[in-house]
Amino acid sequence: MKLSVSQTAKLCGISVRTLHYYDQIGLVRPSQTLPNGYRYYDEAALSTLQQVLFYRELEFPLKQIRSMMQRPDYDKRQALEAHRELLLLKRRHIDGLLRLLDDTIGGIVMQENRTTLETLRAAKKRYAKEAEARYGGTPQWKQSQARARSEAEEAAALTGADEIFAGFAALAAGGVSPESGEAHRLACRWQEHITAHYYDCTDAMLKDLAELYVQDERFCQNLDRYGAGTAQMIHDAILSLCNKER
C-alpha cells in the first residue's frame, strides 16, 4: 500500500506542507519519489510518521525526536503502543464530554466521568518521562519537568498565553508589520513567558517554535482561533526579532 502526499496528510491529520518539511529535514522520508516529483508513503513510512506525531504530542522538539529515533536502541514498538494508548484515552475523554453534553441537554445529572483531562495529562507526563529516561532528554526538557506547577499556576500560565496570542491576533487584524516594535515586544514577551513557566527559551529554540507554529497544522489552527493570520504573525515577528541584533 502506498499513499500520496495528500492522502498521507489527510490520514494523519497534518498538512501537506508539514510532510514536505519533515522530508526536507530528514525526519520522515517518502518511500518513493517519482521523476515528476510525486511522493508516496508506504506502511513503513507511515509508521515512522506516527512515531514522530506521538513525540510531537509530548512537545518534544523536532531535532530531539530525530536524535532519539536514530539511536540503535530506539524501541519503535514501544512508541507506537504508547501512541495508541494515548489516542484511546483522548477518545474516551471526548466520548465522556459528549455524554455529559447530551445529559446536560436532557436535564440529567451526569455521573463522574472517569477519563478526565487530568487522566490525559497524567498519561502524557508518564510517556514523556519514559522517553526521557530511555533516550536522555535535553537540559530544557529536564528543566520543564522539574518545574512542578499547581492548578492555579497552570491556569495563570494559560491565561498569560491567551493574552499574548490575542495581542498577536490584534496586530494581524490591524495589518501591523511583524517587524514593528509592537510585534517585537510581544515576541519578547512570549519568549519570557516560556522561560518563566516552562524552560529557558533561547533564540534558537524560539525560532524552532516559530517554524512549528506554521508547519504543523494543529498548532496553526489552534493559534488562528484567536484570529485569521495569528500563527503567521507570531512566526514572522519571532524571526524578525531573532534576526536582528539585540
C-alpha atoms as a PDB file:
ATOM      1  CA  MET A   1       0.000   0.000   0.000  1.00  0.00           C
ATOM      2  CA  LYS A   2       1.321   3.403  -0.995  1.00  0.00           C
ATOM      3  CA  LEU A   3      -0.372   6.721  -0.338  1.00  0.00           C
ATOM      4  CA  SER A   4       0.215  10.072  -1.994  1.00  0.00           C
ATOM      5  CA  VAL A   5       1.317  13.110  -0.001  1.00  0.00           C
ATOM      6  CA  SER A   6      -2.232  14.459   0.206  1.00  0.00           C
ATOM      7  CA  GLN A   7      -3.662  11.066   1.231  1.00  0.00           C
ATOM      8  CA  THR A   8      -0.984  10.631   3.897  1.00  0.00           C
ATOM      9  CA  ALA A   9      -1.536  14.133   5.259  1.00  0.00           C
ATOM     10  CA  LYS A  10      -5.306  13.625   5.437  1.00  0.00           C
ATOM     11  CA  LEU A  11      -4.951  10.222   7.106  1.00  0.00           C
ATOM     12  CA  CYS A  12      -2.635  11.575   9.831  1.00  0.00           C
ATOM     13  CA  GLY A  13      -4.367  14.920  10.334  1.00  0.00           C
ATOM     14  CA  ILE A  14      -1.450  17.119   9.295  1.00  0.00           C
ATOM     15  CA  SER A  15      -0.811  19.450   6.369  1.00  0.00           C
ATOM     16  CA  VAL A  16       0.965  18.622   3.128  1.00  0.00           C
ATOM     17  CA  ARG A  17       3.332  21.454   3.997  1.00  0.00           C
ATOM     18  CA  THR A  18       4.275  19.679   7.227  1.00  0.00           C
ATOM     19  CA  LEU A  19       5.023  16.452   5.349  1.00  0.00           C
ATOM     20  CA  HIS A  20       7.253  18.337   2.921  1.00  0.00           C
ATOM     21  CA  TYR A  21       9.052  19.947   5.859  1.00  0.00           C
ATOM     22  CA  TYR A  22       9.609  16.585   7.585  1.00  0.00           C
ATOM     23  CA  ASP A  23      11.085  15.293   4.318  1.00  0.00           C
ATOM     24  CA  GLN A  24      13.265  18.396   3.976  1.00  0.00           C
ATOM     25  CA  ILE A  25      14.839  17.955   7.422  1.00  0.00           C
ATOM     26  CA  GLY A  26      15.236  14.187   7.006  1.00  0.00           C
ATOM     27  CA  LEU A  27      12.729  13.240   9.694  1.00  0.00           C
ATOM     28  CA  VAL A  28      10.162  11.331   7.609  1.00  0.00           C
ATOM     29  CA  ARG A  29      11.210  10.433   4.089  1.00  0.00           C
ATOM     30  CA  PRO A  30       8.742   9.273   1.393  1.00  0.00           C
ATOM     31  CA  SER A  31       9.246   5.654   0.402  1.00  0.00           C
ATOM     32  CA  GLN A  32       9.175   6.583  -3.288  1.00  0.00           C
ATOM     33  CA  THR A  33       9.702   9.770  -5.273  1.00  0.00           C
ATOM     34  CA  LEU A  34       8.845   9.662  -8.974  1.00  0.00           C
ATOM     35  CA  PRO A  35      10.722  11.607 -11.679  1.00  0.00           C
ATOM     36  CA  ASN A  36       7.825  14.072 -11.812  1.00  0.00           C
ATOM     37  CA  GLY A  37       8.360  14.846  -8.114  1.00  0.00           C
ATOM     38  CA  TYR A  38       5.318  12.974  -6.796  1.00  0.00           C
ATOM     39  CA  ARG A  39       5.965  11.418  -3.379  1.00  0.00           C
ATOM     40  CA  TYR A  40       4.443   8.230  -1.981  1.00  0.00           C
ATOM     41  CA  TYR A  41       4.436   6.767   1.532  1.00  0.00           C
ATOM     42  CA  ASP A  42       4.268   3.060   2.339  1.00  0.00           C
ATOM     43  CA  GLU A  43       3.444   1.360   5.641  1.00  0.00           C
ATOM     44  CA  ALA A  44       6.996   1.756   6.967  1.00  0.00           C
ATOM     45  CA  ALA A  45       6.967   5.497   6.263  1.00  0.00           C
ATOM     46  CA  LEU A  46       3.526   5.834   7.857  1.00  0.00           C
ATOM     47  CA  SER A  47       4.808   4.017  10.936  1.00  0.00           C
ATOM     48  CA  THR A  48       7.702   6.471  11.204  1.00  0.00           C
ATOM     49  CA  LEU A  49       5.308   9.391  10.812  1.00  0.00           C
ATOM     50  CA  GLN A  50       3.046   8.061  13.588  1.00  0.00           C
ATOM     51  CA  GLN A  51       6.025   7.877  15.942  1.00  0.00           C
ATOM     52  CA  VAL A  52       7.012  11.454  15.124  1.00  0.00           C
ATOM     53  CA  LEU A  53       3.458  12.662  15.762  1.00  0.00           C
ATOM     54  CA  PHE A  54       3.426  10.877  19.111  1.00  0.00           C
ATOM     55  CA  TYR A  55       6.550  12.686  20.301  1.00  0.00           C
ATOM     56  CA  ARG A  56       5.231  15.973  18.907  1.00  0.00           C
ATOM     57  CA  GLU A  57       2.136  15.398  21.068  1.00  0.00           C
ATOM     58  CA  LEU A  58       4.524  15.257  24.025  1.00  0.00           C
ATOM     59  CA  GLU A  59       6.027  18.569  22.825  1.00  0.00           C
ATOM     60  CA  PHE A  60       9.476  17.177  22.015  1.00  0.00           C
ATOM     61  CA  PRO A  61      11.451  19.430  19.618  1.00  0.00           C
ATOM     62  CA  LEU A  62      11.913  18.001  16.119  1.00  0.00           C
ATOM     63  CA  LYS A  63      15.695  17.834  16.495  1.00  0.00           C
ATOM     64  CA  GLN A  64      15.375  15.765  19.648  1.00  0.00           C
ATOM     65  CA  ILE A  65      12.848  13.435  18.005  1.00  0.00           C
ATOM     66  CA  ARG A  66      15.215  12.799  15.112  1.00  0.00           C
ATOM     67  CA  SER A  67      18.100  12.155  17.502  1.00  0.00           C
ATOM     68  CA  MET A  68      16.053   9.671  19.564  1.00  0.00           C
ATOM     69  CA  MET A  69      14.729   7.786  16.558  1.00  0.00           C
ATOM     70  CA  GLN A  70      18.211   7.406  15.073  1.00  0.00           C
ATOM     71  CA  ARG A  71      19.593   5.711  18.178  1.00  0.00           C
ATOM     72  CA  PRO A  72      20.408   1.988  17.760  1.00  0.00           C
ATOM     73  CA  ASP A  73      18.442   1.140  20.937  1.00  0.00           C
ATOM     74  CA  TYR A  74      15.306   3.008  19.836  1.00  0.00           C
ATOM     75  CA  ASP A  75      12.146   0.962  20.528  1.00  0.00           C
ATOM     76  CA  LYS A  76       9.678   1.617  17.720  1.00  0.00           C
ATOM     77  CA  ARG A  77       7.039  -0.790  19.022  1.00  0.00           C
ATOM     78  CA  GLN A  78       7.004   0.874  22.445  1.00  0.00           C
ATOM     79  CA  ALA A  79       6.452   4.293  20.858  1.00  0.00           C
ATOM     80  CA  LEU A  80       3.578   3.050  18.698  1.00  0.00           C
ATOM     81  CA  GLU A  81       1.888   1.232  21.580  1.00  0.00           C
ATOM     82  CA  ALA A  82       2.162   4.303  23.788  1.00  0.00           C
ATOM     83  CA  HIS A  83       0.735   6.457  20.993  1.00  0.00           C
ATOM     84  CA  ARG A  84      -2.203   4.093  20.649  1.00  0.00           C
ATOM     85  CA  GLU A  85      -2.941   4.207  24.383  1.00  0.00           C
ATOM     86  CA  LEU A  86      -2.787   7.993  24.400  1.00  0.00           C
ATOM     87  CA  LEU A  87      -5.218   8.193  21.468  1.00  0.00           C
ATOM     88  CA  LEU A  88      -7.608   5.810  23.238  1.00  0.00           C
ATOM     89  CA  LEU A  89      -7.504   7.994  26.338  1.00  0.00           C
ATOM     90  CA  LYS A  90      -8.292  11.028  24.200  1.00  0.00           C
ATOM     91  CA  ARG A  91     -11.198   9.226  22.573  1.00  0.00           C
ATOM     92  CA  ARG A  92     -12.634   8.175  25.925  1.00  0.00           C
ATOM     93  CA  HIS A  93     -12.237  11.702  27.232  1.00  0.00           C
ATOM     94  CA  ILE A  94     -14.090  13.150  24.224  1.00  0.00           C
ATOM     95  CA  ASP A  95     -16.777  10.447  24.468  1.00  0.00           C
ATOM     96  CA  GLY A  96     -17.262  11.371  28.112  1.00  0.00           C
ATOM     97  CA  LEU A  97     -17.625  15.052  27.261  1.00  0.00           C
ATOM     98  CA  LEU A  98     -20.209  14.210  24.599  1.00  0.00           C
ATOM     99  CA  ARG A  99     -22.191  12.109  27.082  1.00  0.00           C
ATOM    100  CA  LEU A 100     -22.000  14.930  29.599  1.00  0.00           C
ATOM    101  CA  LEU A 101     -23.282  17.385  26.991  1.00  0.00           C
ATOM    102  CA  ASP A 102     -26.134  15.056  25.954  1.00  0.00           C
ATOM    103  CA  ASP A 103     -27.164  14.507  29.567  1.00  0.00           C
ATOM    104  CA  THR A 104     -26.979  18.228  30.324  1.00  0.00           C
ATOM    105  CA  ILE A 105     -29.218  18.981  27.347  1.00  0.00           C
ATOM    106  CA  GLY A 106     -31.629  16.295  28.560  1.00  0.00           C
ATOM    107  CA  GLY A 107     -31.606  17.645  32.123  1.00  0.00           C
ATOM    108  CA  ILE A 108     -29.883  14.571  33.567  1.00  0.00           C
ATOM    109  CA  VAL A 109     -27.154  14.870  36.188  1.00  0.00           C
ATOM    110  CA  MET A 110     -24.071  13.152  34.818  1.00  0.00           C
ATOM    111  CA  GLN A 111     -22.118  10.722  36.962  1.00  0.00           C
ATOM    112  CA  GLU A 112     -18.412  11.379  37.427  1.00  0.00           C
ATOM    113  CA  ASN A 113     -16.515  10.892  34.199  1.00  0.00           C
ATOM    114  CA  ARG A 114     -13.649   8.503  34.758  1.00  0.00           C
ATOM    115  CA  THR A 115     -11.493   9.626  31.852  1.00  0.00           C
ATOM    116  CA  THR A 116     -10.787  13.249  32.678  1.00  0.00           C
ATOM    117  CA  LEU A 117      -8.425  15.840  31.319  1.00  0.00           C
ATOM    118  CA  GLU A 118      -6.209  15.110  34.309  1.00  0.00           C
ATOM    119  CA  THR A 119      -6.036  11.458  33.233  1.00  0.00           C
ATOM    120  CA  LEU A 120      -4.878  12.558  29.817  1.00  0.00           C
ATOM    121  CA  ARG A 121      -2.302  14.933  31.278  1.00  0.00           C
ATOM    122  CA  ALA A 122      -1.002  12.188  33.549  1.00  0.00           C
ATOM    123  CA  ALA A 123      -0.595   9.830  30.606  1.00  0.00           C
ATOM    124  CA  LYS A 124       1.281  12.425  28.578  1.00  0.00           C
ATOM    125  CA  LYS A 125       3.544  13.125  31.531  1.00  0.00           C
ATOM    126  CA  ARG A 126       4.211   9.417  32.036  1.00  0.00           C
ATOM    127  CA  TYR A 127       5.118   8.837  28.394  1.00  0.00           C
ATOM    128  CA  ALA A 128       7.352  11.894  28.355  1.00  0.00           C
ATOM    129  CA  LYS A 129       9.200  10.627  31.409  1.00  0.00           C
ATOM    130  CA  GLU A 130       9.593   7.183  29.861  1.00  0.00           C
ATOM    131  CA  ALA A 131      11.059   8.700  26.705  1.00  0.00           C
ATOM    132  CA  GLU A 132      13.357  10.971  28.665  1.00  0.00           C
ATOM    133  CA  ALA A 133      14.535   8.097  30.853  1.00  0.00           C
ATOM    134  CA  ARG A 134      15.166   5.829  27.864  1.00  0.00           C
ATOM    135  CA  TYR A 135      16.804   8.277  25.487  1.00  0.00           C
ATOM    136  CA  GLY A 136      18.036  11.143  27.641  1.00  0.00           C
ATOM    137  CA  GLY A 137      16.226  14.471  27.330  1.00  0.00           C
ATOM    138  CA  THR A 138      17.699  17.875  26.728  1.00  0.00           C
ATOM    139  CA  PRO A 139      18.513  20.143  29.698  1.00  0.00           C
ATOM    140  CA  GLN A 140      15.500  22.234  28.733  1.00  0.00           C
ATOM    141  CA  TRP A 141      13.231  19.188  28.873  1.00  0.00           C
ATOM    142  CA  LYS A 142      14.531  18.232  32.319  1.00  0.00           C
ATOM    143  CA  GLN A 143      14.057  21.804  33.469  1.00  0.00           C
ATOM    144  CA  SER A 144      10.457  21.818  32.247  1.00  0.00           C
ATOM    145  CA  GLN A 145       9.727  18.532  34.013  1.00  0.00           C
ATOM    146  CA  ALA A 146      11.278  19.833  37.237  1.00  0.00           C
ATOM    147  CA  ARG A 147       9.012  22.878  37.345  1.00  0.00           C
ATOM    148  CA  ALA A 148       6.020  21.477  39.164  1.00  0.00           C
ATOM    149  CA  ARG A 149       3.032  23.799  38.898  1.00  0.00           C
ATOM    150  CA  SER A 150      -0.157  23.958  40.893  1.00  0.00           C
ATOM    151  CA  GLU A 151      -3.529  24.151  39.167  1.00  0.00           C
ATOM    152  CA  ALA A 152      -3.619  27.885  39.875  1.00  0.00           C
ATOM    153  CA  GLU A 153      -0.149  28.391  38.410  1.00  0.00           C
ATOM    154  CA  GLU A 154      -1.021  26.361  35.336  1.00  0.00           C
ATOM    155  CA  ALA A 155      -4.207  28.377  34.870  1.00  0.00           C
ATOM    156  CA  ALA A 156      -2.216  31.598  35.204  1.00  0.00           C
ATOM    157  CA  ALA A 157       0.265  30.390  32.586  1.00  0.00           C
ATOM    158  CA  LEU A 158      -2.564  29.583  30.181  1.00  0.00           C
ATOM    159  CA  THR A 159      -4.239  32.937  30.798  1.00  0.00           C
ATOM    160  CA  GLY A 160      -0.968  34.738  30.099  1.00  0.00           C
ATOM    161  CA  ALA A 161      -0.534  32.821  26.868  1.00  0.00           C
ATOM    162  CA  ASP A 162      -4.091  33.696  25.831  1.00  0.00           C
ATOM    163  CA  GLU A 163      -3.378  37.391  26.340  1.00  0.00           C
ATOM    164  CA  ILE A 164      -0.195  37.238  24.259  1.00  0.00           C
ATOM    165  CA  PHE A 165      -1.855  35.327  21.411  1.00  0.00           C
ATOM    166  CA  ALA A 166      -4.809  37.740  21.451  1.00  0.00           C
ATOM    167  CA  GLY A 167      -2.284  40.560  21.132  1.00  0.00           C
ATOM    168  CA  PHE A 168      -0.721  38.956  18.083  1.00  0.00           C
ATOM    169  CA  ALA A 169      -4.206  38.428  16.609  1.00  0.00           C
ATOM    170  CA  ALA A 170      -4.963  42.136  17.034  1.00  0.00           C
ATOM    171  CA  LEU A 171      -1.749  43.052  15.216  1.00  0.00           C
ATOM    172  CA  ALA A 172      -2.597  40.697  12.370  1.00  0.00           C
ATOM    173  CA  ALA A 173      -6.139  42.073  12.099  1.00  0.00           C
ATOM    174  CA  GLY A 174      -4.822  45.642  12.093  1.00  0.00           C
ATOM    175  CA  GLY A 175      -2.278  44.969   9.367  1.00  0.00           C
ATOM    176  CA  VAL A 176       0.645  45.854  11.663  1.00  0.00           C
ATOM    177  CA  SER A 177       4.063  44.807  10.382  1.00  0.00           C
ATOM    178  CA  PRO A 178       5.703  41.854  12.171  1.00  0.00           C
ATOM    179  CA  GLU A 179       8.886  43.947  12.098  1.00  0.00           C
ATOM    180  CA  SER A 180       7.278  46.690  14.185  1.00  0.00           C
ATOM    181  CA  GLY A 181       8.202  47.479  17.753  1.00  0.00           C
ATOM    182  CA  GLU A 182       4.799  46.255  18.924  1.00  0.00           C
ATOM    183  CA  ALA A 183       5.298  42.862  17.296  1.00  0.00           C
ATOM    184  CA  HIS A 184       8.837  42.580  18.668  1.00  0.00           C
ATOM    185  CA  ARG A 185       7.644  43.389  22.175  1.00  0.00           C
ATOM    186  CA  LEU A 186       5.015  40.664  22.012  1.00  0.00           C
ATOM    187  CA  ALA A 187       7.569  38.173  20.680  1.00  0.00           C
ATOM    188  CA  CYS A 188       9.887  39.083  23.581  1.00  0.00           C
ATOM    189  CA  ARG A 189       7.002  38.697  25.980  1.00  0.00           C
ATOM    190  CA  TRP A 190       6.230  35.224  24.616  1.00  0.00           C
ATOM    191  CA  GLN A 191       9.877  34.169  24.974  1.00  0.00           C
ATOM    192  CA  GLU A 192       9.907  35.450  28.556  1.00  0.00           C
ATOM    193  CA  HIS A 193       6.607  33.656  29.249  1.00  0.00           C
ATOM    194  CA  ILE A 194       8.047  30.312  28.111  1.00  0.00           C
ATOM    195  CA  THR A 195      11.168  30.865  30.201  1.00  0.00           C
ATOM    196  CA  ALA A 196       9.148  31.819  33.264  1.00  0.00           C
ATOM    197  CA  HIS A 197       6.728  28.891  33.109  1.00  0.00           C
ATOM    198  CA  TYR A 198       8.466  26.043  31.275  1.00  0.00           C
ATOM    199  CA  TYR A 199      12.174  26.192  30.348  1.00  0.00           C
ATOM    200  CA  ASP A 200      14.904  28.650  29.404  1.00  0.00           C
ATOM    201  CA  CYS A 201      13.895  29.606  25.870  1.00  0.00           C
ATOM    202  CA  THR A 202      16.881  30.638  23.759  1.00  0.00           C
ATOM    203  CA  ASP A 203      16.558  32.498  20.466  1.00  0.00           C
ATOM    204  CA  ALA A 204      17.309  29.262  18.596  1.00  0.00           C
ATOM    205  CA  MET A 205      14.537  27.409  20.424  1.00  0.00           C
ATOM    206  CA  LEU A 206      12.137  30.306  19.898  1.00  0.00           C
ATOM    207  CA  LYS A 207      12.812  30.177  16.146  1.00  0.00           C
ATOM    208  CA  ASP A 208      12.186  26.418  16.136  1.00  0.00           C
ATOM    209  CA  LEU A 209       8.837  27.055  17.817  1.00  0.00           C
ATOM    210  CA  ALA A 210       8.019  29.734  15.246  1.00  0.00           C
ATOM    211  CA  GLU A 211       8.521  27.223  12.421  1.00  0.00           C
ATOM    212  CA  LEU A 212       6.329  24.718  14.244  1.00  0.00           C
ATOM    213  CA  TYR A 213       3.503  27.247  14.501  1.00  0.00           C
ATOM    214  CA  VAL A 214       3.200  27.438  10.707  1.00  0.00           C
ATOM    215  CA  GLN A 215       4.463  23.975   9.715  1.00  0.00           C
ATOM    216  CA  ASP A 216       2.221  21.899  11.990  1.00  0.00           C
ATOM    217  CA  GLU A 217      -1.426  22.274  11.008  1.00  0.00           C
ATOM    218  CA  ARG A 218      -2.648  21.519  14.529  1.00  0.00           C
ATOM    219  CA  PHE A 219      -0.655  24.389  16.023  1.00  0.00           C
ATOM    220  CA  CYS A 220      -1.592  26.692  13.158  1.00  0.00           C
ATOM    221  CA  GLN A 221      -5.302  26.003  13.548  1.00  0.00           C
ATOM    222  CA  ASN A 222      -5.150  26.428  17.310  1.00  0.00           C
ATOM    223  CA  LEU A 223      -3.411  29.804  17.061  1.00  0.00           C
ATOM    224  CA  ASP A 224      -5.670  31.022  14.287  1.00  0.00           C
ATOM    225  CA  ARG A 225      -8.648  30.543  16.613  1.00  0.00           C
ATOM    226  CA  TYR A 226      -7.602  33.905  18.036  1.00  0.00           C
ATOM    227  CA  GLY A 227      -7.983  35.428  14.577  1.00  0.00           C
ATOM    228  CA  ALA A 228      -7.003  34.705  10.990  1.00  0.00           C
ATOM    229  CA  GLY A 229      -3.283  35.089  10.394  1.00  0.00           C
ATOM    230  CA  THR A 230      -2.265  34.853  14.057  1.00  0.00           C
ATOM    231  CA  ALA A 231       0.109  31.912  13.567  1.00  0.00           C
ATOM    232  CA  GLN A 232       1.839  33.605  10.649  1.00  0.00           C
ATOM    233  CA  MET A 233       2.130  36.874  12.567  1.00  0.00           C
ATOM    234  CA  ILE A 234       3.766  35.117  15.532  1.00  0.00           C
ATOM    235  CA  HIS A 235       6.134  33.283  13.189  1.00  0.00           C
ATOM    236  CA  ASP A 236       7.155  36.412  11.310  1.00  0.00           C
ATOM    237  CA  ALA A 237       7.504  38.554  14.442  1.00  0.00           C
ATOM    238  CA  ILE A 238       9.730  35.967  16.144  1.00  0.00           C
ATOM    239  CA  LEU A 239      12.013  35.576  13.134  1.00  0.00           C
ATOM    240  CA  SER A 240      12.232  39.351  12.714  1.00  0.00           C
ATOM    241  CA  LEU A 241      13.112  39.748  16.386  1.00  0.00           C
ATOM    242  CA  CYS A 242      15.671  36.941  16.478  1.00  0.00           C
ATOM    243  CA  ASN A 243      17.367  38.015  13.250  1.00  0.00           C
ATOM    244  CA  LYS A 244      18.110  41.499  14.492  1.00  0.00           C
ATOM    245  CA  GLU A 245      20.924  42.408  16.864  1.00  0.00           C
ATOM    246  CA  ARG A 246      19.720  42.531  20.485  1.00  0.00           C
END
